[in-house]
Protein backbone atom coordinates (compact mmCIF):
# COMPACT_ATOMS: atom_id res chain seq x y z
CA MET A 1 74.47 -0.03 116.93
CA THR A 2 77.69 1.23 115.40
CA HIS A 3 77.60 3.42 112.31
CA ARG A 4 79.74 4.50 109.41
CA THR A 5 79.59 7.68 107.37
CA GLU A 6 78.41 7.54 103.76
CA SER A 7 78.07 10.40 101.29
CA ASP A 8 75.97 11.27 98.26
CA SER A 9 75.26 14.41 96.23
CA MET A 10 73.55 16.01 99.25
CA GLY A 11 76.36 15.41 101.72
CA THR A 12 77.07 12.85 104.42
CA VAL A 13 74.76 10.61 106.46
CA GLU A 14 75.25 8.02 109.18
CA VAL A 15 74.51 4.44 108.07
CA PRO A 16 74.51 1.26 110.22
CA ALA A 17 77.98 -0.22 110.05
CA ASN A 18 76.76 -3.61 108.87
CA ALA A 19 74.40 -2.26 106.18
CA LEU A 20 75.14 -3.10 102.56
CA TYR A 21 73.30 0.00 101.39
CA GLY A 22 74.49 3.60 101.41
CA ALA A 23 73.48 7.20 101.91
CA GLN A 24 70.44 7.43 99.63
CA THR A 25 68.81 4.37 101.16
CA GLN A 26 69.43 5.71 104.67
CA ARG A 27 67.87 9.05 103.75
CA ALA A 28 64.78 7.17 102.57
CA VAL A 29 64.65 5.17 105.80
CA ASN A 30 64.87 8.43 107.77
CA ASN A 31 62.22 10.19 105.67
CA PHE A 32 59.56 7.54 105.07
CA ASN A 33 58.22 6.20 108.36
CA PHE A 34 54.70 5.47 107.19
CA SER A 35 53.90 1.77 107.40
CA ASN A 36 57.02 -0.17 108.33
CA THR A 37 56.18 -2.26 105.25
CA PRO A 38 58.89 -2.66 102.61
CA LEU A 39 58.24 -3.66 99.03
CA PRO A 40 57.83 -7.44 98.55
CA PRO A 41 60.93 -9.61 98.01
CA ALA A 42 59.59 -10.56 94.56
CA PHE A 43 59.77 -6.92 93.53
CA ILE A 44 63.35 -6.51 94.78
CA GLN A 45 64.28 -9.65 92.86
CA ALA A 46 62.71 -8.18 89.72
CA VAL A 47 64.81 -5.02 90.11
CA ALA A 48 67.86 -7.27 90.53
CA HIS A 49 66.91 -9.02 87.27
CA ILE A 50 66.92 -5.60 85.60
CA LYS A 51 70.36 -4.78 87.00
CA LYS A 52 71.72 -8.13 85.86
CA ALA A 53 70.39 -7.80 82.32
CA ALA A 54 71.52 -4.17 82.15
CA ALA A 55 75.05 -5.09 83.20
CA GLN A 56 75.14 -7.87 80.59
CA THR A 57 73.83 -5.49 77.93
CA ASN A 58 76.17 -2.64 78.82
CA GLY A 59 79.08 -5.06 78.85
CA GLU A 60 78.19 -6.44 75.43
CA LEU A 61 77.82 -2.91 74.06
CA GLU A 62 81.29 -2.15 75.51
CA LEU A 63 79.95 0.63 77.69
CA LEU A 64 80.89 -1.15 80.91
CA ASP A 65 84.17 -2.89 81.73
CA ALA A 66 83.71 -6.64 81.35
CA THR A 67 85.04 -7.52 84.81
CA MET A 68 82.83 -4.90 86.43
CA ALA A 69 79.81 -6.14 84.47
CA LYS A 70 80.55 -9.67 85.66
CA ALA A 71 80.78 -8.53 89.28
CA ILE A 72 77.41 -6.75 89.03
CA VAL A 73 75.86 -9.84 87.46
CA GLN A 74 77.19 -12.04 90.26
CA ALA A 75 75.89 -9.64 92.90
CA SER A 76 72.51 -9.51 91.15
CA ASP A 77 72.31 -13.29 91.18
CA GLN A 78 72.67 -13.20 94.97
CA LEU A 79 69.63 -10.91 95.28
CA ILE A 80 67.65 -12.94 92.76
CA SER A 81 68.27 -16.04 94.89
CA GLY A 82 66.79 -14.23 97.90
CA ALA A 83 70.04 -13.41 99.69
CA HIS A 84 70.39 -10.18 101.69
CA ALA A 85 66.62 -9.72 101.89
CA ASP A 86 67.03 -7.70 105.09
CA GLN A 87 68.91 -4.98 103.21
CA PHE A 88 65.84 -3.44 101.59
CA PRO A 89 64.07 -1.50 104.36
CA VAL A 90 62.56 1.34 102.33
CA ASP A 91 58.85 1.85 103.03
CA VAL A 92 56.23 1.29 100.32
CA PHE A 93 55.02 4.85 100.91
CA GLN A 94 58.02 6.72 99.53
CA THR A 95 58.82 8.87 96.53
CA GLY A 96 56.25 8.11 93.85
CA SER A 97 58.82 7.06 91.25
CA GLY A 98 60.30 4.42 93.53
CA THR A 99 63.71 6.09 93.21
CA SER A 100 64.58 5.20 96.79
CA THR A 101 64.06 1.49 96.11
CA ASN A 102 66.00 1.67 92.85
CA MET A 103 68.90 3.33 94.65
CA ASN A 104 68.61 0.86 97.52
CA VAL A 105 69.22 -1.98 95.06
CA ASN A 106 71.94 0.01 93.26
CA GLU A 107 73.80 0.64 96.52
CA VAL A 108 73.60 -2.94 97.73
CA LEU A 109 74.80 -4.27 94.37
CA ALA A 110 77.59 -1.68 94.23
CA HIS A 111 78.73 -2.72 97.72
CA LEU A 112 78.73 -6.43 96.84
CA ALA A 113 80.42 -5.91 93.46
CA SER A 114 83.06 -3.67 95.02
CA GLU A 115 83.92 -6.38 97.54
CA THR A 116 84.25 -8.91 94.72
CA LEU A 117 86.46 -6.68 92.55
CA GLY A 118 88.47 -5.03 95.28
CA GLN A 119 87.81 -1.66 93.67
CA PRO A 120 84.92 0.83 93.78
CA VAL A 121 81.78 0.12 91.76
CA GLY A 122 79.44 3.09 91.56
CA PRO A 123 75.71 2.70 92.29
CA ASN A 124 74.80 5.42 89.78
CA ASP A 125 77.56 5.36 87.18
CA HIS A 126 77.93 1.59 86.91
CA VAL A 127 75.00 -0.36 88.41
CA ASN A 128 72.45 2.18 87.11
CA MET A 129 74.16 2.68 83.72
CA SER A 130 71.70 3.24 80.82
CA GLN A 131 68.81 3.29 83.31
CA SER A 132 66.58 5.62 85.29
CA SER A 133 64.32 4.87 88.22
CA ASN A 134 61.58 6.03 85.86
CA ASP A 135 61.98 3.02 83.57
CA VAL A 136 63.39 0.55 86.14
CA ILE A 137 60.43 0.66 88.52
CA PRO A 138 57.67 0.40 85.86
CA SER A 139 59.61 -2.46 84.25
CA ALA A 140 60.01 -4.17 87.62
CA ILE A 141 56.25 -3.96 88.17
CA HIS A 142 55.71 -5.83 84.90
CA ILE A 143 58.51 -8.33 85.48
CA SER A 144 57.60 -9.20 89.08
CA ALA A 145 53.91 -9.55 88.27
CA ALA A 146 54.62 -11.65 85.18
CA LEU A 147 56.92 -14.02 87.07
CA ALA A 148 54.44 -14.37 89.95
CA ILE A 149 51.50 -15.06 87.64
CA GLU A 150 53.45 -17.51 85.50
CA HIS A 151 55.13 -19.47 88.28
CA ASP A 152 52.69 -19.14 91.18
CA LEU A 153 49.15 -18.03 90.36
CA GLN A 154 48.49 -19.89 87.11
CA PRO A 155 49.68 -23.25 88.51
CA ALA A 156 47.49 -22.66 91.59
CA LEU A 157 44.47 -21.99 89.39
CA GLU A 158 45.19 -25.11 87.34
CA HIS A 159 45.33 -27.11 90.58
CA LEU A 160 42.03 -25.65 91.79
CA HIS A 161 40.44 -26.30 88.38
CA SER A 162 41.52 -29.94 88.31
CA THR A 163 40.41 -30.44 91.92
CA LEU A 164 36.97 -29.04 91.10
CA LEU A 165 36.62 -31.23 88.02
CA GLY A 166 37.71 -34.32 89.96
CA LYS A 167 35.19 -33.66 92.71
CA ALA A 168 32.50 -32.88 90.11
CA GLU A 169 33.08 -36.26 88.49
CA GLN A 170 32.67 -37.99 91.87
CA LEU A 171 29.38 -36.17 92.50
CA GLN A 172 27.96 -36.10 88.98
CA GLU A 173 25.01 -38.32 89.92
CA VAL A 174 24.24 -36.63 93.24
CA VAL A 175 21.02 -34.67 92.70
CA LYS A 176 20.11 -31.72 94.90
CA THR A 177 17.66 -28.85 94.99
CA GLY A 178 18.90 -25.95 92.92
CA ARG A 179 18.51 -22.45 94.31
CA THR A 180 17.91 -19.02 92.84
CA HIS A 181 17.45 -15.99 95.11
CA LEU A 182 18.38 -18.43 97.92
CA MET A 183 14.99 -20.06 97.26
CA ASP A 184 14.24 -23.58 96.03
CA ALA A 185 14.50 -23.99 92.28
CA MET A 186 14.75 -26.84 89.77
CA PRO A 187 17.13 -29.70 90.65
CA VAL A 188 20.76 -29.83 89.61
CA THR A 189 23.51 -32.30 90.28
CA MET A 190 26.25 -31.37 92.65
CA GLY A 191 28.61 -32.20 89.81
CA GLN A 192 26.96 -29.53 87.68
CA GLU A 193 27.46 -26.96 90.43
CA LEU A 194 31.14 -27.81 90.75
CA GLN A 195 31.58 -27.77 86.98
CA GLY A 196 30.17 -24.25 87.04
CA TRP A 197 32.80 -23.23 89.57
CA ALA A 198 35.49 -24.94 87.50
CA SER A 199 34.39 -22.98 84.45
CA GLN A 200 34.73 -19.74 86.42
CA ILE A 201 38.31 -20.66 87.32
CA ALA A 202 39.11 -21.60 83.72
CA GLY A 203 37.79 -18.23 82.58
CA ASN A 204 40.00 -16.45 85.10
CA HIS A 205 43.00 -18.47 83.97
CA HIS A 206 42.35 -17.39 80.38
CA ARG A 207 41.94 -13.71 81.27
CA LEU A 208 45.12 -13.72 83.35
CA ALA A 209 46.99 -15.29 80.43
CA GLN A 210 45.93 -12.29 78.36
CA ALA A 211 47.13 -9.94 81.10
CA LEU A 212 50.41 -11.85 81.25
CA ALA A 213 50.96 -11.27 77.54
CA GLN A 214 50.67 -7.51 78.11
CA LEU A 215 53.00 -7.57 81.11
CA MET A 216 55.71 -9.07 78.91
CA HIS A 217 56.21 -5.68 77.20
CA ILE A 218 58.47 -3.48 79.31
CA PRO A 219 59.66 0.14 79.06
CA GLN A 220 63.28 -0.47 80.02
CA GLY A 221 65.40 1.76 77.79
CA GLY A 222 63.09 4.76 77.95
CA THR A 223 65.19 6.08 80.86
CA ALA A 224 64.10 9.41 82.40
CA VAL A 225 61.13 10.58 80.33
CA GLY A 226 60.77 8.04 77.53
CA THR A 227 63.29 9.49 75.09
CA GLY A 228 66.03 7.01 75.99
CA ILE A 229 68.52 9.68 77.02
CA ASN A 230 71.89 8.24 78.15
CA ALA A 231 71.06 4.79 76.79
CA HIS A 232 72.61 3.19 73.70
CA PRO A 233 70.15 2.98 70.77
CA ASP A 234 70.42 -0.83 70.87
CA PHE A 235 70.07 -1.05 74.64
CA ALA A 236 66.30 -1.70 74.89
CA THR A 237 66.21 -4.54 72.38
CA LEU A 238 69.34 -6.26 73.65
CA PHE A 239 68.22 -5.81 77.25
CA ALA A 240 64.91 -7.58 76.54
CA GLN A 241 66.82 -10.47 74.99
CA LYS A 242 69.10 -10.81 78.01
CA LEU A 243 66.17 -10.58 80.43
CA SER A 244 64.30 -13.26 78.50
CA GLU A 245 67.29 -15.58 78.61
CA ASN A 246 67.73 -15.00 82.33
CA THR A 247 64.09 -15.47 83.35
CA GLY A 248 62.78 -17.97 80.82
CA LEU A 249 59.91 -15.66 79.86
CA GLU A 250 59.67 -13.89 76.52
CA PHE A 251 59.97 -10.22 77.41
CA ALA A 252 60.07 -7.55 74.72
CA SER A 253 60.58 -3.82 74.53
CA CYS A 254 57.23 -2.00 74.59
CA ASP A 255 55.91 -0.09 71.58
CA ASN A 256 55.91 3.31 73.27
CA PHE A 257 58.07 4.27 76.22
CA PHE A 258 56.07 7.42 76.94
CA ALA A 259 52.85 5.48 77.51
CA ALA A 260 54.50 2.79 79.62
CA ILE A 261 56.38 5.25 81.87
CA GLY A 262 53.70 7.94 82.11
CA SER A 263 50.85 5.51 82.78
CA GLN A 264 50.21 2.16 84.41
CA ASP A 265 47.33 0.93 82.27
CA VAL A 266 48.61 -2.65 82.05
CA ALA A 267 48.96 -2.89 85.84
CA VAL A 268 45.46 -1.48 86.29
CA SER A 269 44.10 -3.99 83.78
CA THR A 270 45.93 -6.87 85.46
CA SER A 271 44.58 -5.80 88.82
CA GLY A 272 41.11 -5.81 87.30
CA GLN A 273 41.56 -9.43 86.29
CA LEU A 274 42.73 -10.27 89.81
CA LYS A 275 39.63 -8.55 91.18
CA THR A 276 37.50 -10.70 88.87
CA LEU A 277 39.25 -13.80 90.21
CA ALA A 278 38.61 -12.55 93.74
CA ALA A 279 34.90 -12.22 92.94
CA SER A 280 34.88 -15.79 91.61
CA LEU A 281 36.62 -17.20 94.67
CA MET A 282 34.31 -15.28 96.98
CA LYS A 283 31.27 -16.71 95.16
CA ILE A 284 32.62 -20.25 95.52
CA ALA A 285 33.60 -19.68 99.16
CA ASN A 286 30.18 -18.32 100.04
CA ASP A 287 28.39 -21.17 98.25
CA LEU A 288 30.45 -23.61 100.32
CA ARG A 289 29.56 -21.74 103.50
CA TRP A 290 25.84 -21.91 102.70
CA MET A 291 25.97 -25.57 101.72
CA ASN A 292 27.89 -26.36 104.92
CA SER A 293 25.61 -24.27 107.16
CA GLY A 294 24.03 -26.01 110.12
CA PRO A 295 24.52 -28.81 110.72
CA LEU A 296 20.94 -28.85 112.02
CA ALA A 297 19.49 -25.36 111.50
CA GLY A 298 21.09 -24.58 108.13
CA LEU A 299 21.15 -26.15 104.68
CA GLY A 300 23.50 -28.91 105.82
CA GLU A 301 24.06 -30.26 102.31
CA ILE A 302 27.76 -30.90 102.81
CA GLU A 303 30.17 -31.24 105.68
CA LEU A 304 33.49 -29.48 105.23
CA GLU A 305 36.57 -31.04 106.74
CA ALA A 306 36.93 -30.08 110.43
CA LEU A 307 40.20 -28.19 110.72
CA GLN A 308 40.08 -26.55 114.14
CA PRO A 309 37.73 -25.81 117.06
CA GLY A 310 35.32 -23.06 116.09
CA SER A 311 34.52 -21.40 119.36
CA SER A 312 36.20 -20.45 122.60
CA ILE A 313 32.91 -20.89 124.49
CA MET A 314 30.73 -23.35 122.52
CA PRO A 315 32.17 -26.88 122.74
CA GLY A 316 32.00 -28.96 119.57
CA LYS A 317 31.40 -26.03 117.24
CA VAL A 318 33.28 -26.24 113.93
CA ASN A 319 33.30 -23.38 111.44
CA PRO A 320 34.02 -23.11 107.67
CA VAL A 321 37.35 -21.42 108.30
CA ILE A 322 38.92 -21.82 104.85
CA PRO A 323 35.98 -20.33 102.90
CA GLU A 324 35.89 -17.48 105.42
CA ALA A 325 39.61 -16.81 105.04
CA VAL A 326 39.31 -16.94 101.24
CA ALA A 327 36.41 -14.47 101.33
CA MET A 328 38.50 -12.06 103.40
CA ALA A 329 41.45 -12.42 101.03
CA ALA A 330 39.13 -11.71 98.12
CA ALA A 331 37.85 -8.58 99.84
CA GLN A 332 41.43 -7.41 100.34
CA VAL A 333 42.18 -7.90 96.64
CA MET A 334 39.12 -5.82 95.76
CA GLY A 335 40.48 -3.09 98.03
CA HIS A 336 43.91 -3.35 96.40
CA ASP A 337 42.25 -2.91 93.02
CA THR A 338 40.58 0.32 94.09
CA ALA A 339 43.92 1.70 95.29
CA ILE A 340 45.66 0.59 92.08
CA THR A 341 42.93 2.24 90.00
CA ILE A 342 43.45 5.54 91.83
CA ALA A 343 47.22 5.15 91.53
CA GLY A 344 46.93 4.33 87.83
CA GLN A 345 45.41 7.70 87.00
CA SER A 346 48.24 9.48 88.84
CA GLY A 347 50.44 9.70 85.79
CA ASN A 348 51.46 13.35 85.66
CA PHE A 349 52.77 14.04 82.16
CA GLU A 350 55.83 11.76 81.66
CA LEU A 351 55.75 9.74 84.91
CA ASN A 352 53.29 7.93 87.11
CA VAL A 353 54.00 8.93 90.70
CA MET A 354 52.35 6.12 92.67
CA LEU A 355 54.50 3.28 91.39
CA PRO A 356 55.53 1.69 94.72
CA LEU A 357 51.88 1.43 95.81
CA ILE A 358 50.97 -0.26 92.52
CA ALA A 359 53.89 -2.68 92.87
CA HIS A 360 53.03 -3.60 96.45
CA ASN A 361 49.30 -4.05 95.91
CA LEU A 362 49.62 -5.94 92.64
CA LEU A 363 52.06 -8.48 94.07
CA SER A 364 50.05 -8.77 97.28
CA SER A 365 46.92 -9.52 95.26
CA ILE A 366 48.71 -12.19 93.24
CA GLU A 367 50.01 -13.82 96.43
CA LEU A 368 46.60 -13.73 98.11
CA MET A 369 44.89 -15.27 95.11
CA THR A 370 47.59 -17.92 94.74
CA ASN A 371 47.35 -19.03 98.36
CA SER A 372 43.54 -18.78 98.39
CA SER A 373 43.23 -20.99 95.33
CA ARG A 374 45.40 -23.72 96.79
CA ALA A 375 43.75 -23.57 100.22
CA LEU A 376 40.29 -23.75 98.69
CA ALA A 377 41.30 -26.75 96.60
CA ASP A 378 43.14 -28.72 99.27
CA LYS A 379 41.32 -27.80 102.48
CA ALA A 380 37.73 -27.27 101.32
CA ILE A 381 36.87 -28.77 97.91
CA ALA A 382 38.85 -31.99 98.01
CA GLY A 383 37.65 -33.19 101.40
CA PHE A 384 34.04 -32.19 101.85
CA ARG A 385 31.45 -34.90 102.47
CA VAL A 386 27.96 -34.89 100.95
CA ARG A 387 25.01 -35.37 103.32
CA SER A 388 22.78 -37.35 100.93
CA ASP A 389 19.99 -37.78 103.47
CA VAL A 390 19.53 -34.01 103.72
CA LEU A 391 19.64 -33.58 99.94
CA ASN A 392 17.07 -36.29 99.30
CA HIS A 393 14.64 -35.11 101.97
CA ALA A 394 14.50 -31.59 100.53
CA LEU A 395 14.41 -32.81 96.94
CA ALA A 396 11.36 -35.05 97.39
CA ARG A 397 9.29 -32.16 98.79
CA ASN A 398 10.45 -29.48 96.39
CA PRO A 399 7.22 -28.03 94.87
CA ILE A 400 9.23 -26.32 92.15
CA LEU A 401 9.59 -29.70 90.41
CA VAL A 402 6.17 -28.98 88.96
CA THR A 403 7.92 -26.60 86.53
CA ALA A 404 8.50 -29.65 84.32
CA LEU A 405 4.73 -29.92 83.83
CA ASN A 406 4.35 -26.36 82.47
CA PRO A 407 4.34 -27.42 78.78
CA ILE A 408 1.68 -30.07 79.53
CA ILE A 409 -0.75 -28.47 82.00
CA GLY A 410 0.18 -24.77 81.76
CA TYR A 411 1.86 -22.35 84.15
CA GLN A 412 -1.26 -21.40 86.15
CA LYS A 413 -2.30 -24.98 86.88
CA ALA A 414 1.29 -25.89 87.77
CA ALA A 415 1.50 -22.88 90.13
CA ALA A 416 -1.67 -24.00 91.92
CA ILE A 417 -0.24 -27.49 92.41
CA ALA A 418 3.03 -26.09 93.75
CA LYS A 419 1.26 -23.83 96.23
CA ARG A 420 -0.96 -26.64 97.49
CA ALA A 421 1.98 -29.03 97.84
CA TYR A 422 3.89 -26.44 99.84
CA ALA A 423 0.91 -25.52 102.01
CA GLU A 424 0.14 -29.17 102.82
CA ASN A 425 3.81 -30.14 103.14
CA ARG A 426 3.33 -32.98 100.67
CA PRO A 427 5.42 -34.24 97.76
CA VAL A 428 4.42 -32.43 94.59
CA ILE A 429 3.88 -35.72 92.76
CA GLU A 430 1.04 -36.65 95.13
CA VAL A 431 -0.78 -33.36 94.58
CA ALA A 432 -0.19 -33.48 90.82
CA ASN A 433 -1.68 -36.96 90.75
CA GLU A 434 -4.84 -35.58 92.36
CA GLU A 435 -5.04 -32.38 90.33
CA THR A 436 -4.30 -33.70 86.82
CA ASP A 437 -5.28 -36.51 84.50
CA LEU A 438 -1.69 -37.68 84.33
CA GLY A 439 -1.16 -41.15 85.79
CA LEU A 440 1.27 -41.82 88.62
CA ASP A 441 3.69 -43.67 86.34
CA GLU A 442 3.69 -40.77 83.91
CA LEU A 443 4.23 -38.25 86.72
CA GLN A 444 7.10 -40.27 88.12
CA ARG A 445 8.71 -40.22 84.71
CA LEU A 446 8.10 -36.50 84.15
CA LEU A 447 9.13 -35.42 87.65
CA ASP A 448 12.17 -37.65 88.08
CA PRO A 449 14.71 -35.21 89.61
CA GLN A 450 17.66 -37.01 88.03
CA LYS A 451 16.18 -36.67 84.52
CA LEU A 452 15.23 -33.04 85.13
CA THR A 453 18.92 -32.19 85.53
CA TYR A 454 19.38 -33.04 81.86
CA GLY A 455 17.20 -30.11 80.78
CA GLY A 456 15.11 -30.08 77.60
CA LEU A 457 11.37 -30.65 77.19
CA PRO A 458 9.24 -33.11 79.22
CA GLY A 459 9.54 -36.67 78.01
């Protein structure tokens, strides 16, 4: 590989000849060899959005030459579109402020804008005008997360919700044995179970909408420590307007720069909502795994779509691969949340110093939950088949049906009937007919599993 020499305030450094970045990025590449994992493209695009809006704002405030501002905007648009994605090699585990990533973007944009203009554009003096890494990176965390939730995660949750409701409507009259403690309980319809899952997803959608509203407030304009040094007094407000126009989301300047730069409470809160979603998806995934278990020695209530062979040694074995993958993704999100929580309390005075970790984990969690929601909807919920013969066999012999007789014959008498029915492996209605004065017709009416799913009192 051929190299060129670049310089910064610390001296000169050798940079790959074809690199769009400069000395500060190369120093970061040399220093941070921790994971070989760069920050996600969505985060780089969010930083580019900041540079674009800043150039527009500085140009309008007549702090930056109009032609130079236009060149920076054009270069930013290239990054926002996903171009030059290979030019951002800085590891996640870097300086806690994310300065290396901010300068990486500054240097690439300066290089591109300089080529357009035919004259030098400075990464610090021009691209980074009215900004600091200390307000750029926290703002980029909010912007990238907001865009990902708005455009990716929320639509995925809406799709999962509608898929669940559609399947619930198909199965509303399918009665099965309910379970508590993994033990037989009163009957429910499969539609009711799926409606419960759908309600969980709706609740997560609502909570994430609340998190999204908080993410829309950004600290851009606070610069180094929150005082706004080296930024025009009108910069923050005008910047938020430009950013909103560019992204289509209603961003606003936050109420207090010191809080938003020194802490990451909104990111921690958002991560908490993602963890809650992960818990919901894991619950649904595990319910599907139990219901699909068997097909002979398990519950065998449903049959998930066969997607791939399940064993390298056991022919014909098919496993619930999508629920398993979703459960693993959910576990990863829970781990991300723990790391974000630790990182969130690492705000030392005027700056949080674990910002790149927060950015990486937050966006990774959003991506995992987005993809998990769509996979669960399309490859598990939509296509599973109900095994009605298995459901009906278990339902007819469920001794817990006797619960419906509690108000008529009392708990103790009902318990004795249930125990006898279980011990003799007989339908509870037969034993109740022998042990009570209730006629068979009356018992059939009182113990009708379909009617018991409606709740209420007997009769």
